[in-house]
Amino acid sequence: ARVIVDRDSGRSRGFGFVNFTTEESASSAMNAMDGQELDGRNIRVSFANERPPGSRGGYRGDGGFGGGYGGGSNDF
């Protein structure tokens, strides 16, 4: 498992990633944990999506910020 932390403060950003050896074990864990309460908060568990190389997000040059690493929704 890997918890994502803020590079400046070192504090957790509130999400992380867990690798499984089989798709079956990943699906089982997701079904068992999605929506459960952890430390007084409901957690959301879903499969992560692969991001194409170079899509880390950040400034787009048109006044906005893109998705990618740290942008958009953050899932387990």
PDB file of N, CA and C in Angstrom:
ATOM      1  N   ALA A   1       0.851  -1.184   0.000  1.00  0.00           N
ATOM      2  CA  ALA A   1       0.000   0.000   0.000  1.00  0.00           C
ATOM      3  C   ALA A   1       0.889   1.237   0.000  1.00  0.00           C
ATOM      4  N   ARG A   2       0.378   2.290  -0.619  1.00  0.00           N
ATOM      5  CA  ARG A   2       1.116   3.550  -0.679  1.00  0.00           C
ATOM      6  C   ARG A   2       0.148   4.687  -0.395  1.00  0.00           C
ATOM      7  N   VAL A   3       0.406   5.440   0.670  1.00  0.00           N
ATOM      8  CA  VAL A   3      -0.398   6.609   1.023  1.00  0.00           C
ATOM      9  C   VAL A   3       0.244   7.822   0.355  1.00  0.00           C
ATOM     10  N   ILE A   4      -0.550   8.617  -0.337  1.00  0.00           N
ATOM     11  CA  ILE A   4      -0.038   9.784  -1.036  1.00  0.00           C
ATOM     12  C   ILE A   4       0.037  10.950  -0.057  1.00  0.00           C
ATOM     13  N   VAL A   5       1.223  11.577  -0.003  1.00  0.00           N
ATOM     14  CA  VAL A   5       1.444  12.677   0.938  1.00  0.00           C
ATOM     15  C   VAL A   5       1.764  13.961   0.172  1.00  0.00           C
ATOM     16  N   ASP A   6       1.448  15.085   0.806  1.00  0.00           N
ATOM     17  CA  ASP A   6       1.772  16.392   0.255  1.00  0.00           C
ATOM     18  C   ASP A   6       3.280  16.568   0.288  1.00  0.00           C
ATOM     19  N   ARG A   7       3.862  16.979  -0.815  1.00  0.00           N
ATOM     20  CA  ARG A   7       5.332  17.072  -0.865  1.00  0.00           C
ATOM     21  C   ARG A   7       5.890  18.194  -0.003  1.00  0.00           C
ATOM     22  N   ASP A   8       5.076  19.212   0.271  1.00  0.00           N
ATOM     23  CA  ASP A   8       5.556  20.320   1.096  1.00  0.00           C
ATOM     24  C   ASP A   8       5.394  20.060   2.592  1.00  0.00           C
ATOM     25  N   SER A   9       4.193  19.604   2.979  1.00  0.00           N
ATOM     26  CA  SER A   9       3.919  19.435   4.411  1.00  0.00           C
ATOM     27  C   SER A   9       4.220  18.026   4.915  1.00  0.00           C
ATOM     28  N   GLY A  10       4.249  17.050   4.012  1.00  0.00           N
ATOM     29  CA  GLY A  10       4.459  15.667   4.421  1.00  0.00           C
ATOM     30  C   GLY A  10       3.215  15.001   4.974  1.00  0.00           C
ATOM     31  N   ARG A  11       2.082  15.732   4.990  1.00  0.00           N
ATOM     32  CA  ARG A  11       0.819  15.184   5.501  1.00  0.00           C
ATOM     33  C   ARG A  11       0.100  14.395   4.419  1.00  0.00           C
ATOM     34  N   SER A  12      -0.682  13.414   4.850  1.00  0.00           N
ATOM     35  CA  SER A  12      -1.471  12.607   3.927  1.00  0.00           C
ATOM     36  C   SER A  12      -2.426  13.486   3.137  1.00  0.00           C
ATOM     37  N   ARG A  13      -2.587  13.171   1.859  1.00  0.00           N
ATOM     38  CA  ARG A  13      -3.546  13.884   1.020  1.00  0.00           C
ATOM     39  C   ARG A  13      -4.923  13.223   1.076  1.00  0.00           C
ATOM     40  N   GLY A  14      -5.051  12.147   1.832  1.00  0.00           N
ATOM     41  CA  GLY A  14      -6.353  11.520   2.038  1.00  0.00           C
ATOM     42  C   GLY A  14      -6.675  10.389   1.088  1.00  0.00           C
ATOM     43  N   PHE A  15      -5.695   9.921   0.344  1.00  0.00           N
ATOM     44  CA  PHE A  15      -5.925   8.780  -0.534  1.00  0.00           C
ATOM     45  C   PHE A  15      -4.640   7.994  -0.700  1.00  0.00           C
ATOM     46  N   GLY A  16      -4.785   6.815  -1.247  1.00  0.00           N
ATOM     47  CA  GLY A  16      -3.623   5.962  -1.456  1.00  0.00           C
ATOM     48  C   GLY A  16      -3.929   4.885  -2.459  1.00  0.00           C
ATOM     49  N   PHE A  17      -2.986   3.996  -2.653  1.00  0.00           N
ATOM     50  CA  PHE A  17      -3.111   2.913  -3.615  1.00  0.00           C
ATOM     51  C   PHE A  17      -2.668   1.605  -2.974  1.00  0.00           C
ATOM     52  N   VAL A  18      -3.384   0.529  -3.313  1.00  0.00           N
ATOM     53  CA  VAL A  18      -3.045  -0.805  -2.824  1.00  0.00           C
ATOM     54  C   VAL A  18      -2.930  -1.717  -4.033  1.00  0.00           C
ATOM     55  N   ASN A  19      -1.857  -2.484  -4.116  1.00  0.00           N
ATOM     56  CA  ASN A  19      -1.677  -3.457  -5.198  1.00  0.00           C
ATOM     57  C   ASN A  19      -2.089  -4.834  -4.710  1.00  0.00           C
ATOM     58  N   PHE A  20      -2.725  -5.596  -5.582  1.00  0.00           N
ATOM     59  CA  PHE A  20      -3.147  -6.953  -5.277  1.00  0.00           C
ATOM     60  C   PHE A  20      -2.516  -7.911  -6.283  1.00  0.00           C
ATOM     61  N   THR A  21      -2.391  -9.168  -5.870  1.00  0.00           N
ATOM     62  CA  THR A  21      -1.770 -10.154  -6.757  1.00  0.00           C
ATOM     63  C   THR A  21      -2.743 -10.674  -7.806  1.00  0.00           C
ATOM     64  N   THR A  22      -4.039 -10.637  -7.509  1.00  0.00           N
ATOM     65  CA  THR A  22      -5.026 -11.114  -8.480  1.00  0.00           C
ATOM     66  C   THR A  22      -6.178 -10.112  -8.578  1.00  0.00           C
ATOM     67  N   GLU A  23      -6.843 -10.115  -9.718  1.00  0.00           N
ATOM     68  CA  GLU A  23      -8.012  -9.263  -9.900  1.00  0.00           C
ATOM     69  C   GLU A  23      -9.132  -9.688  -8.959  1.00  0.00           C
ATOM     70  N   GLU A  24      -9.215 -10.986  -8.702  1.00  0.00           N
ATOM     71  CA  GLU A  24     -10.248 -11.510  -7.795  1.00  0.00           C
ATOM     72  C   GLU A  24     -10.075 -10.956  -6.381  1.00  0.00           C
ATOM     73  N   SER A  25      -8.846 -10.937  -5.873  1.00  0.00           N
ATOM     74  CA  SER A  25      -8.626 -10.415  -4.522  1.00  0.00           C
ATOM     75  C   SER A  25      -8.865  -8.904  -4.473  1.00  0.00           C
ATOM     76  N   ALA A  26      -8.532  -8.196  -5.547  1.00  0.00           N
ATOM     77  CA  ALA A  26      -8.793  -6.758  -5.599  1.00  0.00           C
ATOM     78  C   ALA A  26     -10.291  -6.480  -5.599  1.00  0.00           C
ATOM     79  N   SER A  27     -11.050  -7.224  -6.393  1.00  0.00           N
ATOM     80  CA  SER A  27     -12.503  -7.043  -6.442  1.00  0.00           C
ATOM     81  C   SER A  27     -13.146  -7.368  -5.110  1.00  0.00           C
ATOM     82  N   SER A  28     -12.678  -8.423  -4.471  1.00  0.00           N
ATOM     83  CA  SER A  28     -13.211  -8.819  -3.171  1.00  0.00           C
ATOM     84  C   SER A  28     -12.971  -7.732  -2.123  1.00  0.00           C
ATOM     85  N   ALA A  29     -11.763  -7.190  -2.100  1.00  0.00           N
ATOM     86  CA  ALA A  29     -11.438  -6.133  -1.141  1.00  0.00           C
ATOM     87  C   ALA A  29     -12.254  -4.870  -1.425  1.00  0.00           C
ATOM     88  N   MET A  30     -12.394  -4.529  -2.697  1.00  0.00           N
ATOM     89  CA  MET A  30     -13.155  -3.339  -3.049  1.00  0.00           C
ATOM     90  C   MET A  30     -14.616  -3.501  -2.630  1.00  0.00           C
ATOM     91  N   ASN A  31     -15.210  -4.639  -2.912  1.00  0.00           N
ATOM     92  CA  ASN A  31     -16.611  -4.878  -2.549  1.00  0.00           C
ATOM     93  C   ASN A  31     -16.814  -4.880  -1.035  1.00  0.00           C
ATOM     94  N   ALA A  32     -15.828  -5.377  -0.305  1.00  0.00           N
ATOM     95  CA  ALA A  32     -15.950  -5.452   1.152  1.00  0.00           C
ATOM     96  C   ALA A  32     -15.751  -4.099   1.823  1.00  0.00           C
ATOM     97  N   MET A  33     -14.917  -3.234   1.249  1.00  0.00           N
ATOM     98  CA  MET A  33     -14.548  -1.994   1.937  1.00  0.00           C
ATOM     99  C   MET A  33     -15.242  -0.738   1.426  1.00  0.00           C
ATOM    100  N   ASP A  34     -15.711  -0.723   0.197  1.00  0.00           N
ATOM    101  CA  ASP A  34     -16.323   0.490  -0.355  1.00  0.00           C
ATOM    102  C   ASP A  34     -17.547   0.880   0.465  1.00  0.00           C
ATOM    103  N   GLY A  35     -17.570   2.114   0.951  1.00  0.00           N
ATOM    104  CA  GLY A  35     -18.687   2.622   1.730  1.00  0.00           C
ATOM    105  C   GLY A  35     -18.609   2.335   3.222  1.00  0.00           C
ATOM    106  N   GLN A  36     -17.595   1.610   3.658  1.00  0.00           N
ATOM    107  CA  GLN A  36     -17.443   1.299   5.077  1.00  0.00           C
ATOM    108  C   GLN A  36     -16.942   2.529   5.839  1.00  0.00           C
ATOM    109  N   GLU A  37     -17.169   2.519   7.140  1.00  0.00           N
ATOM    110  CA  GLU A  37     -16.694   3.608   7.988  1.00  0.00           C
ATOM    111  C   GLU A  37     -15.303   3.282   8.518  1.00  0.00           C
ATOM    112  N   LEU A  38     -14.428   4.265   8.470  1.00  0.00           N
ATOM    113  CA  LEU A  38     -13.070   4.137   8.984  1.00  0.00           C
ATOM    114  C   LEU A  38     -12.742   5.417   9.741  1.00  0.00           C
ATOM    115  N   ASP A  39     -12.469   5.301  11.015  1.00  0.00           N
ATOM    116  CA  ASP A  39     -12.164   6.468  11.863  1.00  0.00           C
ATOM    117  C   ASP A  39     -13.243   7.541  11.748  1.00  0.00           C
ATOM    118  N   GLY A  40     -14.502   7.120  11.723  1.00  0.00           N
ATOM    119  CA  GLY A  40     -15.620   8.053  11.699  1.00  0.00           C
ATOM    120  C   GLY A  40     -15.959   8.637  10.334  1.00  0.00           C
ATOM    121  N   ARG A  41     -15.316   8.158   9.282  1.00  0.00           N
ATOM    122  CA  ARG A  41     -15.569   8.667   7.931  1.00  0.00           C
ATOM    123  C   ARG A  41     -15.873   7.512   6.994  1.00  0.00           C
ATOM    124  N   ASN A  42     -16.816   7.717   6.093  1.00  0.00           N
ATOM    125  CA  ASN A  42     -17.079   6.707   5.072  1.00  0.00           C
ATOM    126  C   ASN A  42     -15.974   6.773   4.032  1.00  0.00           C
ATOM    127  N   ILE A  43     -15.479   5.595   3.648  1.00  0.00           N
ATOM    128  CA  ILE A  43     -14.417   5.566   2.649  1.00  0.00           C
ATOM    129  C   ILE A  43     -14.977   5.114   1.310  1.00  0.00           C
ATOM    130  N   ARG A  44     -14.342   5.570   0.264  1.00  0.00           N
ATOM    131  CA  ARG A  44     -14.704   5.180  -1.097  1.00  0.00           C
ATOM    132  C   ARG A  44     -13.541   4.388  -1.668  1.00  0.00           C
ATOM    133  N   VAL A  45     -13.833   3.213  -2.181  1.00  0.00           N
ATOM    134  CA  VAL A  45     -12.805   2.342  -2.730  1.00  0.00           C
ATOM    135  C   VAL A  45     -13.178   2.030  -4.170  1.00  0.00           C
ATOM    136  N   SER A  46     -12.246   2.232  -5.091  1.00  0.00           N
ATOM    137  CA  SER A  46     -12.487   1.916  -6.498  1.00  0.00           C
ATOM    138  C   SER A  46     -11.168   1.582  -7.166  1.00  0.00           C
ATOM    139  N   PHE A  47     -11.268   1.048  -8.365  1.00  0.00           N
ATOM    140  CA  PHE A  47     -10.060   0.737  -9.125  1.00  0.00           C
ATOM    141  C   PHE A  47      -9.456   2.028  -9.663  1.00  0.00           C
ATOM    142  N   ALA A  48      -8.145   2.136  -9.596  1.00  0.00           N
ATOM    143  CA  ALA A  48      -7.446   3.294 -10.157  1.00  0.00           C
ATOM    144  C   ALA A  48      -7.375   3.147 -11.667  1.00  0.00           C
ATOM    145  N   ASN A  49      -7.300   4.269 -12.345  1.00  0.00           N
ATOM    146  CA  ASN A  49      -7.161   4.269 -13.799  1.00  0.00           C
ATOM    147  C   ASN A  49      -5.726   4.585 -14.163  1.00  0.00           C
ATOM    148  N   GLU A  50      -5.219   3.893 -15.185  1.00  0.00           N
ATOM    149  CA  GLU A  50      -3.881   4.189 -15.695  1.00  0.00           C
ATOM    150  C   GLU A  50      -3.901   5.577 -16.315  1.00  0.00           C
ATOM    151  N   ARG A  51      -2.848   6.322 -16.127  1.00  0.00           N
ATOM    152  CA  ARG A  51      -2.726   7.636 -16.743  1.00  0.00           C
ATOM    153  C   ARG A  51      -1.652   7.558 -17.830  1.00  0.00           C
ATOM    154  N   PRO A  52      -1.907   8.168 -18.977  1.00  0.00           N
ATOM    155  CA  PRO A  52      -0.876   8.148 -20.022  1.00  0.00           C
ATOM    156  C   PRO A  52       0.365   8.902 -19.565  1.00  0.00           C
ATOM    157  N   PRO A  53       1.531   8.515 -20.060  1.00  0.00           N
ATOM    158  CA  PRO A  53       2.759   9.209 -19.668  1.00  0.00           C
ATOM    159  C   PRO A  53       2.657  10.702 -19.959  1.00  0.00           C
ATOM    160  N   GLY A  54       3.156  11.510 -19.033  1.00  0.00           N
ATOM    161  CA  GLY A  54       3.179  12.950 -19.224  1.00  0.00           C
ATOM    162  C   GLY A  54       1.891  13.653 -18.856  1.00  0.00           C
ATOM    163  N   SER A  55       0.915  12.935 -18.267  1.00  0.00           N
ATOM    164  CA  SER A  55      -0.366  13.570 -17.942  1.00  0.00           C
ATOM    165  C   SER A  55      -0.460  13.859 -16.447  1.00  0.00           C
ATOM    166  N   ARG A  56       0.536  14.506 -15.907  1.00  0.00           N
ATOM    167  CA  ARG A  56       0.556  14.769 -14.469  1.00  0.00           C
ATOM    168  C   ARG A  56      -0.317  15.939 -14.077  1.00  0.00           C
ATOM    169  N   GLY A  57      -0.933  16.600 -15.027  1.00  0.00           N
ATOM    170  CA  GLY A  57      -1.792  17.733 -14.682  1.00  0.00           C
ATOM    171  C   GLY A  57      -0.985  19.001 -14.579  1.00  0.00           C
ATOM    172  N   GLY A  58      -1.569  20.004 -13.941  1.00  0.00           N
ATOM    173  CA  GLY A  58      -0.886  21.269 -13.786  1.00  0.00           C
ATOM    174  C   GLY A  58      -1.394  22.306 -14.760  1.00  0.00           C
ATOM    175  N   TYR A  59      -0.648  23.360 -14.931  1.00  0.00           N
ATOM    176  CA  TYR A  59      -1.084  24.491 -15.744  1.00  0.00           C
ATOM    177  C   TYR A  59      -1.167  24.101 -17.215  1.00  0.00           C
ATOM    178  N   ARG A  60      -2.285  24.458 -17.869  1.00  0.00           N
ATOM    179  CA  ARG A  60      -2.503  24.101 -19.268  1.00  0.00           C
ATOM    180  C   ARG A  60      -2.128  25.215 -20.226  1.00  0.00           C
ATOM    181  N   GLY A  61      -1.927  26.417 -19.737  1.00  0.00           N
ATOM    182  CA  GLY A  61      -1.615  27.522 -20.615  1.00  0.00           C
ATOM    183  C   GLY A  61      -2.837  28.296 -21.054  1.00  0.00           C
ATOM    184  N   ASP A  62      -4.040  27.835 -20.699  1.00  0.00           N
ATOM    185  CA  ASP A  62      -5.268  28.544 -21.076  1.00  0.00           C
ATOM    186  C   ASP A  62      -5.981  29.096 -19.853  1.00  0.00           C
ATOM    187  N   GLY A  63      -5.257  29.256 -18.769  1.00  0.00           N
ATOM    188  CA  GLY A  63      -5.847  29.820 -17.559  1.00  0.00           C
ATOM    189  C   GLY A  63      -6.418  28.792 -16.607  1.00  0.00           C
ATOM    190  N   GLY A  64      -6.341  27.523 -16.966  1.00  0.00           N
ATOM    191  CA  GLY A  64      -6.901  26.489 -16.103  1.00  0.00           C
ATOM    192  C   GLY A  64      -5.860  25.481 -15.693  1.00  0.00           C
ATOM    193  N   PHE A  65      -6.290  24.551 -14.922  1.00  0.00           N
ATOM    194  CA  PHE A  65      -5.408  23.489 -14.479  1.00  0.00           C
ATOM    195  C   PHE A  65      -5.968  22.162 -14.943  1.00  0.00           C
ATOM    196  N   GLY A  66      -5.105  21.256 -15.346  1.00  0.00           N
ATOM    197  CA  GLY A  66      -5.533  19.964 -15.856  1.00  0.00           C
ATOM    198  C   GLY A  66      -5.647  18.934 -14.778  1.00  0.00           C
ATOM    199  N   GLY A  67      -6.174  17.793 -15.163  1.00  0.00           N
ATOM    200  CA  GLY A  67      -6.262  16.653 -14.249  1.00  0.00           C
ATOM    201  C   GLY A  67      -4.930  15.962 -14.165  1.00  0.00           C
ATOM    202  N   GLY A  68      -4.970  14.688 -13.905  1.00  0.00           N
ATOM    203  CA  GLY A  68      -3.738  13.932 -13.769  1.00  0.00           C
ATOM    204  C   GLY A  68      -3.379  13.778 -12.321  1.00  0.00           C
ATOM    205  N   TYR A  69      -2.124  13.677 -12.028  1.00  0.00           N
ATOM    206  CA  TYR A  69      -1.656  13.422 -10.670  1.00  0.00           C
ATOM    207  C   TYR A  69      -2.150  14.532  -9.742  1.00  0.00           C
ATOM    208  N   GLY A  70      -3.007  14.177  -8.812  1.00  0.00           N
ATOM    209  CA  GLY A  70      -3.497  15.147  -7.848  1.00  0.00           C
ATOM    210  C   GLY A  70      -4.685  15.948  -8.327  1.00  0.00           C
ATOM    211  N   GLY A  71      -5.106  15.777  -9.572  1.00  0.00           N
ATOM    212  CA  GLY A  71      -6.254  16.511 -10.080  1.00  0.00           C
ATOM    213  C   GLY A  71      -7.460  15.609 -10.191  1.00  0.00           C
ATOM    214  N   GLY A  72      -8.618  16.146 -10.052  1.00  0.00           N
ATOM    215  CA  GLY A  72      -9.836  15.354 -10.177  1.00  0.00           C
ATOM    216  C   GLY A  72     -10.073  14.516  -8.939  1.00  0.00           C
ATOM    217  N   SER A  73     -10.817  13.440  -9.109  1.00  0.00           N
ATOM    218  CA  SER A  73     -11.138  12.608  -7.943  1.00  0.00           C
ATOM    219  C   SER A  73      -9.978  11.687  -7.621  1.00  0.00           C
ATOM    220  N   ASN A  74      -9.861  11.361  -6.377  1.00  0.00           N
ATOM    221  CA  ASN A  74      -8.775  10.517  -5.913  1.00  0.00           C
ATOM    222  C   ASN A  74      -9.359   9.262  -5.322  1.00  0.00           C
ATOM    223  N   ASP A  75      -9.000   8.133  -5.887  1.00  0.00           N
ATOM    224  CA  ASP A  75      -9.571   6.854  -5.498  1.00  0.00           C
ATOM    225  C   ASP A  75      -8.511   5.891  -5.043  1.00  0.00           C
ATOM    226  N   PHE A  76      -8.933   4.938  -4.255  1.00  0.00           N
ATOM    227  CA  PHE A  76      -8.062   3.828  -3.890  1.00  0.00           C
ATOM    228  C   PHE A  76      -8.087   2.846  -5.005  1.00  0.00           C
TER     229      PHE A  76
END
